[in-house]
Amino acid sequence: MSDVYDVIYAPVVTEKSAQAIEEDNVYTFIVNRRANKIEILRAVEGIWDVKVSDVRTMRYSGKMKRALMGRLSRSNKIGRRPAFKKAIVQLAEGDHIEFYEVG
């Protein structure tokens, strides 16, 4: 990947990821499906100027979904949600990433 912003798409901000941030200093991101662990490590270190100690990745396939419009639907249109890749990044002791400010 040529640019670090092509690798990292968005942080995952859920209750589970917030708990992982507080307890284990672990952050979760949606990343490019073709990015490998080394590119993810370099992107996180480049964007936020932190030291990464571990990177884990997971690939999710898109789920099949049916478009329903109640009684007005005459045909069962079937669609698909997009596939994505999620990266779990553990930072070194003392480093943190500020996603949003409280207040």
PDB file of N, CA and C in Angstrom:
ATOM      1  N   MET A   1       0.840  -1.172   0.000  1.00  0.00           N
ATOM      2  CA  MET A   1       0.000   0.000   0.000  1.00  0.00           C
ATOM      3  C   MET A   1       0.890   1.242   0.000  1.00  0.00           C
ATOM      4  N   SER A   2       0.480   2.220  -0.750  1.00  0.00           N
ATOM      5  CA  SER A   2       1.315   3.400  -0.892  1.00  0.00           C
ATOM      6  C   SER A   2       1.139   4.393   0.252  1.00  0.00           C
ATOM      7  N   ASP A   3      -0.057   4.496   0.795  1.00  0.00           N
ATOM      8  CA  ASP A   3      -0.337   5.490   1.822  1.00  0.00           C
ATOM      9  C   ASP A   3      -0.880   4.800   3.067  1.00  0.00           C
ATOM     10  N   VAL A   4      -0.507   5.305   4.249  1.00  0.00           N
ATOM     11  CA  VAL A   4      -0.992   4.695   5.491  1.00  0.00           C
ATOM     12  C   VAL A   4      -2.497   4.859   5.644  1.00  0.00           C
ATOM     13  N   TYR A   5      -3.061   5.901   5.043  1.00  0.00           N
ATOM     14  CA  TYR A   5      -4.505   6.125   5.140  1.00  0.00           C
ATOM     15  C   TYR A   5      -5.289   5.205   4.202  1.00  0.00           C
ATOM     16  N   ASP A   6      -4.597   4.500   3.295  1.00  0.00           N
ATOM     17  CA  ASP A   6      -5.241   3.476   2.484  1.00  0.00           C
ATOM     18  C   ASP A   6      -5.352   2.152   3.232  1.00  0.00           C
ATOM     19  N   VAL A   7      -4.605   1.996   4.315  1.00  0.00           N
ATOM     20  CA  VAL A   7      -4.604   0.753   5.089  1.00  0.00           C
ATOM     21  C   VAL A   7      -5.673   0.791   6.178  1.00  0.00           C
ATOM     22  N   ILE A   8      -5.698   1.841   6.977  1.00  0.00           N
ATOM     23  CA  ILE A   8      -6.636   1.963   8.101  1.00  0.00           C
ATOM     24  C   ILE A   8      -7.867   2.714   7.615  1.00  0.00           C
ATOM     25  N   TYR A   9      -9.044   2.078   7.733  1.00  0.00           N
ATOM     26  CA  TYR A   9     -10.285   2.732   7.328  1.00  0.00           C
ATOM     27  C   TYR A   9     -10.955   3.452   8.490  1.00  0.00           C
ATOM     28  N   ALA A  10     -11.191   2.732   9.599  1.00  0.00           N
ATOM     29  CA  ALA A  10     -11.937   3.323  10.708  1.00  0.00           C
ATOM     30  C   ALA A  10     -11.677   2.530  11.981  1.00  0.00           C
ATOM     31  N   PRO A  11     -11.748   3.196  13.136  1.00  0.00           N
ATOM     32  CA  PRO A  11     -11.675   2.453  14.396  1.00  0.00           C
ATOM     33  C   PRO A  11     -13.035   1.819  14.702  1.00  0.00           C
ATOM     34  N   VAL A  12     -13.002   0.711  15.405  1.00  0.00           N
ATOM     35  CA  VAL A  12     -14.236   0.069  15.858  1.00  0.00           C
ATOM     36  C   VAL A  12     -14.471   0.534  17.288  1.00  0.00           C
ATOM     37  N   VAL A  13     -15.554   1.281  17.501  1.00  0.00           N
ATOM     38  CA  VAL A  13     -15.861   1.821  18.822  1.00  0.00           C
ATOM     39  C   VAL A  13     -17.138   1.150  19.316  1.00  0.00           C
ATOM     40  N   THR A  14     -16.960   0.086  20.102  1.00  0.00           N
ATOM     41  CA  THR A  14     -18.069  -0.629  20.716  1.00  0.00           C
ATOM     42  C   THR A  14     -17.777  -0.769  22.200  1.00  0.00           C
ATOM     43  N   GLU A  15     -18.721  -1.322  22.936  1.00  0.00           N
ATOM     44  CA  GLU A  15     -18.492  -1.527  24.364  1.00  0.00           C
ATOM     45  C   GLU A  15     -17.349  -2.510  24.593  1.00  0.00           C
ATOM     46  N   LYS A  16     -17.315  -3.556  23.785  1.00  0.00           N
ATOM     47  CA  LYS A  16     -16.264  -4.567  23.930  1.00  0.00           C
ATOM     48  C   LYS A  16     -14.894  -3.993  23.604  1.00  0.00           C
ATOM     49  N   SER A  17     -14.802  -3.196  22.545  1.00  0.00           N
ATOM     50  CA  SER A  17     -13.505  -2.604  22.194  1.00  0.00           C
ATOM     51  C   SER A  17     -13.089  -1.543  23.213  1.00  0.00           C
ATOM     52  N   ALA A  18     -14.045  -0.809  23.783  1.00  0.00           N
ATOM     53  CA  ALA A  18     -13.714   0.181  24.809  1.00  0.00           C
ATOM     54  C   ALA A  18     -13.181  -0.501  26.069  1.00  0.00           C
ATOM     55  N   GLN A  19     -13.751  -1.644  26.406  1.00  0.00           N
ATOM     56  CA  GLN A  19     -13.269  -2.397  27.555  1.00  0.00           C
ATOM     57  C   GLN A  19     -11.861  -2.932  27.300  1.00  0.00           C
ATOM     58  N   ALA A  20     -11.585  -3.381  26.074  1.00  0.00           N
ATOM     59  CA  ALA A  20     -10.252  -3.870  25.722  1.00  0.00           C
ATOM     60  C   ALA A  20      -9.229  -2.747  25.757  1.00  0.00           C
ATOM     61  N   ILE A  21      -9.643  -1.538  25.382  1.00  0.00           N
ATOM     62  CA  ILE A  21      -8.734  -0.393  25.437  1.00  0.00           C
ATOM     63  C   ILE A  21      -8.348  -0.105  26.883  1.00  0.00           C
ATOM     64  N   GLU A  22      -9.327  -0.113  27.773  1.00  0.00           N
ATOM     65  CA  GLU A  22      -9.061   0.211  29.178  1.00  0.00           C
ATOM     66  C   GLU A  22      -8.241  -0.866  29.877  1.00  0.00           C
ATOM     67  N   GLU A  23      -8.563  -2.136  29.623  1.00  0.00           N
ATOM     68  CA  GLU A  23      -7.914  -3.212  30.361  1.00  0.00           C
ATOM     69  C   GLU A  23      -6.572  -3.636  29.774  1.00  0.00           C
ATOM     70  N   ASP A  24      -6.503  -3.805  28.454  1.00  0.00           N
ATOM     71  CA  ASP A  24      -5.327  -4.422  27.853  1.00  0.00           C
ATOM     72  C   ASP A  24      -4.559  -3.530  26.891  1.00  0.00           C
ATOM     73  N   ASN A  25      -4.991  -2.284  26.693  1.00  0.00           N
ATOM     74  CA  ASN A  25      -4.354  -1.370  25.748  1.00  0.00           C
ATOM     75  C   ASN A  25      -4.400  -1.944  24.327  1.00  0.00           C
ATOM     76  N   VAL A  26      -5.583  -2.483  23.949  1.00  0.00           N
ATOM     77  CA  VAL A  26      -5.800  -3.127  22.659  1.00  0.00           C
ATOM     78  C   VAL A  26      -6.815  -2.308  21.879  1.00  0.00           C
ATOM     79  N   TYR A  27      -6.502  -1.969  20.631  1.00  0.00           N
ATOM     80  CA  TYR A  27      -7.364  -1.161  19.780  1.00  0.00           C
ATOM     81  C   TYR A  27      -7.799  -1.983  18.576  1.00  0.00           C
ATOM     82  N   THR A  28      -9.018  -1.718  18.084  1.00  0.00           N
ATOM     83  CA  THR A  28      -9.580  -2.466  16.970  1.00  0.00           C
ATOM     84  C   THR A  28      -9.864  -1.519  15.817  1.00  0.00           C
ATOM     85  N   PHE A  29      -9.495  -1.944  14.592  1.00  0.00           N
ATOM     86  CA  PHE A  29      -9.678  -1.126  13.399  1.00  0.00           C
ATOM     87  C   PHE A  29     -10.263  -1.962  12.272  1.00  0.00           C
ATOM     88  N   ILE A  30     -11.041  -1.311  11.389  1.00  0.00           N
ATOM     89  CA  ILE A  30     -11.410  -1.893  10.110  1.00  0.00           C
ATOM     90  C   ILE A  30     -10.299  -1.493   9.141  1.00  0.00           C
ATOM     91  N   VAL A  31      -9.721  -2.480   8.457  1.00  0.00           N
ATOM     92  CA  VAL A  31      -8.573  -2.220   7.593  1.00  0.00           C
ATOM     93  C   VAL A  31      -8.855  -2.715   6.179  1.00  0.00           C
ATOM     94  N   ASN A  32      -7.962  -2.360   5.276  1.00  0.00           N
ATOM     95  CA  ASN A  32      -8.046  -2.819   3.892  1.00  0.00           C
ATOM     96  C   ASN A  32      -7.941  -4.341   3.855  1.00  0.00           C
ATOM     97  N   ARG A  33      -8.753  -4.973   3.019  1.00  0.00           N
ATOM     98  CA  ARG A  33      -8.778  -6.435   2.970  1.00  0.00           C
ATOM     99  C   ARG A  33      -7.473  -7.026   2.459  1.00  0.00           C
ATOM    100  N   ARG A  34      -6.694  -6.270   1.712  1.00  0.00           N
ATOM    101  CA  ARG A  34      -5.429  -6.774   1.178  1.00  0.00           C
ATOM    102  C   ARG A  34      -4.221  -6.428   2.047  1.00  0.00           C
ATOM    103  N   ALA A  35      -4.428  -5.688   3.130  1.00  0.00           N
ATOM    104  CA  ALA A  35      -3.310  -5.272   3.985  1.00  0.00           C
ATOM    105  C   ALA A  35      -2.842  -6.437   4.848  1.00  0.00           C
ATOM    106  N   ASN A  36      -1.520  -6.564   5.001  1.00  0.00           N
ATOM    107  CA  ASN A  36      -0.989  -7.596   5.885  1.00  0.00           C
ATOM    108  C   ASN A  36      -0.620  -6.980   7.230  1.00  0.00           C
ATOM    109  N   LYS A  37      -0.135  -7.815   8.144  1.00  0.00           N
ATOM    110  CA  LYS A  37       0.136  -7.354   9.507  1.00  0.00           C
ATOM    111  C   LYS A  37       1.242  -6.308   9.557  1.00  0.00           C
ATOM    112  N   ILE A  38       2.227  -6.438   8.714  1.00  0.00           N
ATOM    113  CA  ILE A  38       3.335  -5.480   8.714  1.00  0.00           C
ATOM    114  C   ILE A  38       2.847  -4.112   8.244  1.00  0.00           C
ATOM    115  N   GLU A  39       2.026  -4.076   7.207  1.00  0.00           N
ATOM    116  CA  GLU A  39       1.485  -2.803   6.724  1.00  0.00           C
ATOM    117  C   GLU A  39       0.571  -2.165   7.770  1.00  0.00           C
ATOM    118  N   ILE A  40      -0.212  -2.964   8.466  1.00  0.00           N
ATOM    119  CA  ILE A  40      -1.083  -2.438   9.514  1.00  0.00           C
ATOM    120  C   ILE A  40      -0.246  -1.858  10.641  1.00  0.00           C
ATOM    121  N   LEU A  41       0.802  -2.568  11.044  1.00  0.00           N
ATOM    122  CA  LEU A  41       1.701  -2.086  12.100  1.00  0.00           C
ATOM    123  C   LEU A  41       2.319  -0.749  11.719  1.00  0.00           C
ATOM    124  N   ARG A  42       2.848  -0.658  10.501  1.00  0.00           N
ATOM    125  CA  ARG A  42       3.481   0.595  10.057  1.00  0.00           C
ATOM    126  C   ARG A  42       2.475   1.732   9.948  1.00  0.00           C
ATOM    127  N   ALA A  43       1.243   1.426   9.533  1.00  0.00           N
ATOM    128  CA  ALA A  43       0.222   2.469   9.406  1.00  0.00           C
ATOM    129  C   ALA A  43      -0.169   3.029  10.765  1.00  0.00           C
ATOM    130  N   VAL A  44      -0.396   2.154  11.748  1.00  0.00           N
ATOM    131  CA  VAL A  44      -0.771   2.626  13.087  1.00  0.00           C
ATOM    132  C   VAL A  44       0.366   3.423  13.709  1.00  0.00           C
ATOM    133  N   GLU A  45       1.589   2.929  13.584  1.00  0.00           N
ATOM    134  CA  GLU A  45       2.737   3.659  14.136  1.00  0.00           C
ATOM    135  C   GLU A  45       2.946   4.984  13.418  1.00  0.00           C
ATOM    136  N   GLY A  46       2.676   5.040  12.124  1.00  0.00           N
ATOM    137  CA  GLY A  46       2.865   6.270  11.362  1.00  0.00           C
ATOM    138  C   GLY A  46       1.803   7.318  11.628  1.00  0.00           C
ATOM    139  N   ILE A  47       0.558   6.896  11.772  1.00  0.00           N
ATOM    140  CA  ILE A  47      -0.529   7.856  11.961  1.00  0.00           C
ATOM    141  C   ILE A  47      -0.518   8.434  13.370  1.00  0.00           C
ATOM    142  N   TRP A  48      -0.382   7.565  14.394  1.00  0.00           N
ATOM    143  CA  TRP A  48      -0.537   8.024  15.771  1.00  0.00           C
ATOM    144  C   TRP A  48       0.761   8.128  16.547  1.00  0.00           C
ATOM    145  N   ASP A  49       1.907   7.810  15.958  1.00  0.00           N
ATOM    146  CA  ASP A  49       3.210   7.917  16.610  1.00  0.00           C
ATOM    147  C   ASP A  49       3.241   7.140  17.931  1.00  0.00           C
ATOM    148  N   VAL A  50       2.901   5.847  17.842  1.00  0.00           N
ATOM    149  CA  VAL A  50       2.916   4.946  18.993  1.00  0.00           C
ATOM    150  C   VAL A  50       3.752   3.722  18.625  1.00  0.00           C
ATOM    151  N   LYS A  51       4.058   2.886  19.610  1.00  0.00           N
ATOM    152  CA  LYS A  51       4.804   1.654  19.390  1.00  0.00           C
ATOM    153  C   LYS A  51       3.834   0.478  19.496  1.00  0.00           C
ATOM    154  N   VAL A  52       3.740  -0.328  18.439  1.00  0.00           N
ATOM    155  CA  VAL A  52       2.834  -1.470  18.390  1.00  0.00           C
ATOM    156  C   VAL A  52       3.607  -2.719  18.800  1.00  0.00           C
ATOM    157  N   SER A  53       3.004  -3.515  19.711  1.00  0.00           N
ATOM    158  CA  SER A  53       3.668  -4.739  20.139  1.00  0.00           C
ATOM    159  C   SER A  53       3.080  -5.995  19.496  1.00  0.00           C
ATOM    160  N   ASP A  54       1.812  -5.963  19.059  1.00  0.00           N
ATOM    161  CA  ASP A  54       1.197  -7.152  18.475  1.00  0.00           C
ATOM    162  C   ASP A  54       0.061  -6.747  17.541  1.00  0.00           C
ATOM    163  N   VAL A  55      -0.104  -7.498  16.441  1.00  0.00           N
ATOM    164  CA  VAL A  55      -1.199  -7.281  15.499  1.00  0.00           C
ATOM    165  C   VAL A  55      -1.862  -8.619  15.216  1.00  0.00           C
ATOM    166  N   ARG A  56      -3.174  -8.665  15.357  1.00  0.00           N
ATOM    167  CA  ARG A  56      -3.955  -9.847  14.996  1.00  0.00           C
ATOM    168  C   ARG A  56      -5.013  -9.421  13.996  1.00  0.00           C
ATOM    169  N   THR A  57      -5.303 -10.265  13.030  1.00  0.00           N
ATOM    170  CA  THR A  57      -6.275  -9.908  11.992  1.00  0.00           C
ATOM    171  C   THR A  57      -7.353 -10.979  11.888  1.00  0.00           C
ATOM    172  N   MET A  58      -8.539 -10.534  11.433  1.00  0.00           N
ATOM    173  CA  MET A  58      -9.669 -11.424  11.198  1.00  0.00           C
ATOM    174  C   MET A  58     -10.360 -10.986   9.922  1.00  0.00           C
ATOM    175  N   ARG A  59     -10.768 -11.964   9.121  1.00  0.00           N
ATOM    176  CA  ARG A  59     -11.494 -11.676   7.883  1.00  0.00           C
ATOM    177  C   ARG A  59     -12.940 -12.102   8.060  1.00  0.00           C
ATOM    178  N   TYR A  60     -13.856 -11.232   7.666  1.00  0.00           N
ATOM    179  CA  TYR A  60     -15.286 -11.510   7.743  1.00  0.00           C
ATOM    180  C   TYR A  60     -15.859 -11.502   6.336  1.00  0.00           C
ATOM    181  N   SER A  61     -16.601 -12.533   5.991  1.00  0.00           N
ATOM    182  CA  SER A  61     -17.259 -12.553   4.694  1.00  0.00           C
ATOM    183  C   SER A  61     -18.601 -11.843   4.811  1.00  0.00           C
ATOM    184  N   GLY A  62     -19.076 -11.292   3.708  1.00  0.00           N
ATOM    185  CA  GLY A  62     -20.336 -10.565   3.718  1.00  0.00           C
ATOM    186  C   GLY A  62     -21.517 -11.519   3.867  1.00  0.00           C
ATOM    187  N   LYS A  63     -22.477 -11.131   4.674  1.00  0.00           N
ATOM    188  CA  LYS A  63     -23.649 -11.968   4.900  1.00  0.00           C
ATOM    189  C   LYS A  63     -24.683 -11.743   3.807  1.00  0.00           C
ATOM    190  N   MET A  64     -25.431 -12.784   3.506  1.00  0.00           N
ATOM    191  CA  MET A  64     -26.545 -12.672   2.572  1.00  0.00           C
ATOM    192  C   MET A  64     -27.719 -12.002   3.292  1.00  0.00           C
ATOM    193  N   LYS A  65     -28.330 -11.039   2.648  1.00  0.00           N
ATOM    194  CA  LYS A  65     -29.475 -10.323   3.213  1.00  0.00           C
ATOM    195  C   LYS A  65     -30.574 -10.235   2.177  1.00  0.00           C
ATOM    196  N   ARG A  66     -31.808 -10.345   2.653  1.00  0.00           N
ATOM    197  CA  ARG A  66     -32.958 -10.221   1.786  1.00  0.00           C
ATOM    198  C   ARG A  66     -33.567  -8.831   1.976  1.00  0.00           C
ATOM    199  N   ALA A  67     -33.869  -8.165   0.908  1.00  0.00           N
ATOM    200  CA  ALA A  67     -34.478  -6.839   0.978  1.00  0.00           C
ATOM    201  C   ALA A  67     -35.992  -7.020   1.112  1.00  0.00           C
ATOM    202  N   LEU A  68     -36.514  -6.622   2.239  1.00  0.00           N
ATOM    203  CA  LEU A  68     -37.948  -6.764   2.482  1.00  0.00           C
ATOM    204  C   LEU A  68     -38.595  -5.390   2.581  1.00  0.00           C
ATOM    205  N   MET A  69     -39.744  -5.254   1.971  1.00  0.00           N
ATOM    206  CA  MET A  69     -40.490  -4.006   2.069  1.00  0.00           C
ATOM    207  C   MET A  69     -41.919  -4.294   2.523  1.00  0.00           C
ATOM    208  N   GLY A  70     -42.090  -5.271   3.372  1.00  0.00           N
ATOM    209  CA  GLY A  70     -43.422  -5.589   3.877  1.00  0.00           C
ATOM    210  C   GLY A  70     -44.271  -6.278   2.834  1.00  0.00           C
ATOM    211  N   ARG A  71     -45.536  -5.948   2.833  1.00  0.00           N
ATOM    212  CA  ARG A  71     -46.467  -6.584   1.905  1.00  0.00           C
ATOM    213  C   ARG A  71     -46.284  -6.100   0.478  1.00  0.00           C
ATOM    214  N   LEU A  72     -45.640  -4.967   0.292  1.00  0.00           N
ATOM    215  CA  LEU A  72     -45.502  -4.391  -1.033  1.00  0.00           C
ATOM    216  C   LEU A  72     -44.435  -5.089  -1.875  1.00  0.00           C
ATOM    217  N   SER A  73     -43.625  -5.912  -1.234  1.00  0.00           N
ATOM    218  CA  SER A  73     -42.537  -6.563  -1.945  1.00  0.00           C
ATOM    219  C   SER A  73     -43.066  -7.737  -2.756  1.00  0.00           C
ATOM    220  N   ARG A  74     -42.921  -7.665  -4.051  1.00  0.00           N
ATOM    221  CA  ARG A  74     -43.389  -8.738  -4.938  1.00  0.00           C
ATOM    222  C   ARG A  74     -42.286  -9.747  -5.231  1.00  0.00           C
ATOM    223  N   SER A  75     -41.056  -9.292  -5.205  1.00  0.00           N
ATOM    224  CA  SER A  75     -39.950 -10.205  -5.500  1.00  0.00           C
ATOM    225  C   SER A  75     -39.006 -10.237  -4.307  1.00  0.00           C
ATOM    226  N   ASN A  76     -38.404 -11.354  -4.096  1.00  0.00           N
ATOM    227  CA  ASN A  76     -37.413 -11.480  -3.032  1.00  0.00           C
ATOM    228  C   ASN A  76     -36.054 -11.110  -3.592  1.00  0.00           C
ATOM    229  N   LYS A  77     -35.674  -9.878  -3.388  1.00  0.00           N
ATOM    230  CA  LYS A  77     -34.372  -9.422  -3.854  1.00  0.00           C
ATOM    231  C   LYS A  77     -33.334  -9.771  -2.804  1.00  0.00           C
ATOM    232  N   ILE A  78     -32.321 -10.474  -3.245  1.00  0.00           N
ATOM    233  CA  ILE A  78     -31.290 -10.905  -2.319  1.00  0.00           C
ATOM    234  C   ILE A  78     -30.041 -10.079  -2.575  1.00  0.00           C
ATOM    235  N   GLY A  79     -29.486  -9.546  -1.509  1.00  0.00           N
ATOM    236  CA  GLY A  79     -28.265  -8.760  -1.603  1.00  0.00           C
ATOM    237  C   GLY A  79     -27.200  -9.339  -0.698  1.00  0.00           C
ATOM    238  N   ARG A  80     -26.098  -8.653  -0.630  1.00  0.00           N
ATOM    239  CA  ARG A  80     -24.985  -9.129   0.175  1.00  0.00           C
ATOM    240  C   ARG A  80     -24.313  -7.945   0.851  1.00  0.00           C
ATOM    241  N   ARG A  81     -24.034  -8.088   2.132  1.00  0.00           N
ATOM    242  CA  ARG A  81     -23.268  -7.074   2.832  1.00  0.00           C
ATOM    243  C   ARG A  81     -21.799  -7.198   2.417  1.00  0.00           C
ATOM    244  N   PRO A  82     -21.058  -6.109   2.473  1.00  0.00           N
ATOM    245  CA  PRO A  82     -19.658  -6.192   2.027  1.00  0.00           C
ATOM    246  C   PRO A  82     -18.782  -6.963   3.019  1.00  0.00           C
ATOM    247  N   ALA A  83     -17.799  -7.650   2.495  1.00  0.00           N
ATOM    248  CA  ALA A  83     -16.813  -8.333   3.325  1.00  0.00           C
ATOM    249  C   ALA A  83     -15.824  -7.296   3.853  1.00  0.00           C
ATOM    250  N   PHE A  84     -15.225  -7.587   5.021  1.00  0.00           N
ATOM    251  CA  PHE A  84     -14.254  -6.650   5.583  1.00  0.00           C
ATOM    252  C   PHE A  84     -13.220  -7.409   6.393  1.00  0.00           C
ATOM    253  N   LYS A  85     -12.166  -6.692   6.752  1.00  0.00           N
ATOM    254  CA  LYS A  85     -11.082  -7.248   7.556  1.00  0.00           C
ATOM    255  C   LYS A  85     -10.928  -6.379   8.792  1.00  0.00           C
ATOM    256  N   LYS A  86     -10.767  -7.028   9.933  1.00  0.00           N
ATOM    257  CA  LYS A  86     -10.626  -6.319  11.193  1.00  0.00           C
ATOM    258  C   LYS A  86      -9.260  -6.633  11.781  1.00  0.00           C
ATOM    259  N   ALA A  87      -8.595  -5.621  12.311  1.00  0.00           N
ATOM    260  CA  ALA A  87      -7.281  -5.793  12.930  1.00  0.00           C
ATOM    261  C   ALA A  87      -7.356  -5.394  14.391  1.00  0.00           C
ATOM    262  N   ILE A  88      -6.790  -6.234  15.247  1.00  0.00           N
ATOM    263  CA  ILE A  88      -6.699  -5.938  16.676  1.00  0.00           C
ATOM    264  C   ILE A  88      -5.232  -5.648  16.968  1.00  0.00           C
ATOM    265  N   VAL A  89      -4.967  -4.434  17.442  1.00  0.00           N
ATOM    266  CA  VAL A  89      -3.601  -3.944  17.616  1.00  0.00           C
ATOM    267  C   VAL A  89      -3.345  -3.699  19.092  1.00  0.00           C
ATOM    268  N   GLN A  90      -2.285  -4.317  19.621  1.00  0.00           N
ATOM    269  CA  GLN A  90      -1.898  -4.079  21.009  1.00  0.00           C
ATOM    270  C   GLN A  90      -0.712  -3.134  21.029  1.00  0.00           C
ATOM    271  N   LEU A  91      -0.836  -2.086  21.834  1.00  0.00           N
ATOM    272  CA  LEU A  91       0.223  -1.085  21.932  1.00  0.00           C
ATOM    273  C   LEU A  91       1.154  -1.390  23.087  1.00  0.00           C
ATOM    274  N   ALA A  92       2.337  -0.835  23.034  1.00  0.00           N
ATOM    275  CA  ALA A  92       3.313  -0.994  24.105  1.00  0.00           C
ATOM    276  C   ALA A  92       2.840  -0.233  25.343  1.00  0.00           C
ATOM    277  N   GLU A  93       3.418  -0.568  26.480  1.00  0.00           N
ATOM    278  CA  GLU A  93       3.056   0.083  27.744  1.00  0.00           C
ATOM    279  C   GLU A  93       3.294   1.591  27.665  1.00  0.00           C
ATOM    280  N   GLY A  94       2.344   2.354  28.141  1.00  0.00           N
ATOM    281  CA  GLY A  94       2.473   3.804  28.176  1.00  0.00           C
ATOM    282  C   GLY A  94       1.938   4.520  26.951  1.00  0.00           C
ATOM    283  N   ASP A  95       1.718   3.828  25.848  1.00  0.00           N
ATOM    284  CA  ASP A  95       1.177   4.446  24.641  1.00  0.00           C
ATOM    285  C   ASP A  95      -0.344   4.333  24.627  1.00  0.00           C
ATOM    286  N   HIS A  96      -0.991   5.319  24.046  1.00  0.00           N
ATOM    287  CA  HIS A  96      -2.441   5.264  23.859  1.00  0.00           C
ATOM    288  C   HIS A  96      -2.822   6.118  22.664  1.00  0.00           C
ATOM    289  N   ILE A  97      -4.012   5.846  22.125  1.00  0.00           N
ATOM    290  CA  ILE A  97      -4.545   6.583  20.993  1.00  0.00           C
ATOM    291  C   ILE A  97      -5.804   7.301  21.454  1.00  0.00           C
ATOM    292  N   GLU A  98      -5.906   8.578  21.138  1.00  0.00           N
ATOM    293  CA  GLU A  98      -7.079   9.370  21.526  1.00  0.00           C
ATOM    294  C   GLU A  98      -8.010   9.467  20.333  1.00  0.00           C
ATOM    295  N   PHE A  99      -9.120   8.709  20.330  1.00  0.00           N
ATOM    296  CA  PHE A  99     -10.078   8.742  19.256  1.00  0.00           C
ATOM    297  C   PHE A  99     -10.998   9.950  19.341  1.00  0.00           C
ATOM    298  N   TYR A 100     -11.460  10.236  20.526  1.00  0.00           N
ATOM    299  CA  TYR A 100     -12.389  11.340  20.734  1.00  0.00           C
ATOM    300  C   TYR A 100     -12.159  11.911  22.115  1.00  0.00           C
ATOM    301  N   GLU A 101     -12.550  13.161  22.265  1.00  0.00           N
ATOM    302  CA  GLU A 101     -12.371  13.813  23.550  1.00  0.00           C
ATOM    303  C   GLU A 101     -13.694  13.874  24.274  1.00  0.00           C
ATOM    304  N   VAL A 102     -13.683  13.583  25.554  1.00  0.00           N
ATOM    305  CA  VAL A 102     -14.891  13.604  26.364  1.00  0.00           C
ATOM    306  C   VAL A 102     -15.043  15.008  26.935  1.00  0.00           C
ATOM    307  N   GLY A 103     -16.244  15.524  26.860  1.00  0.00           N
ATOM    308  CA  GLY A 103     -16.455  16.825  27.482  1.00  0.00           C
ATOM    309  C   GLY A 103     -17.130  17.720  26.616  1.00  0.00           C
TER     310      GLY A 103
END
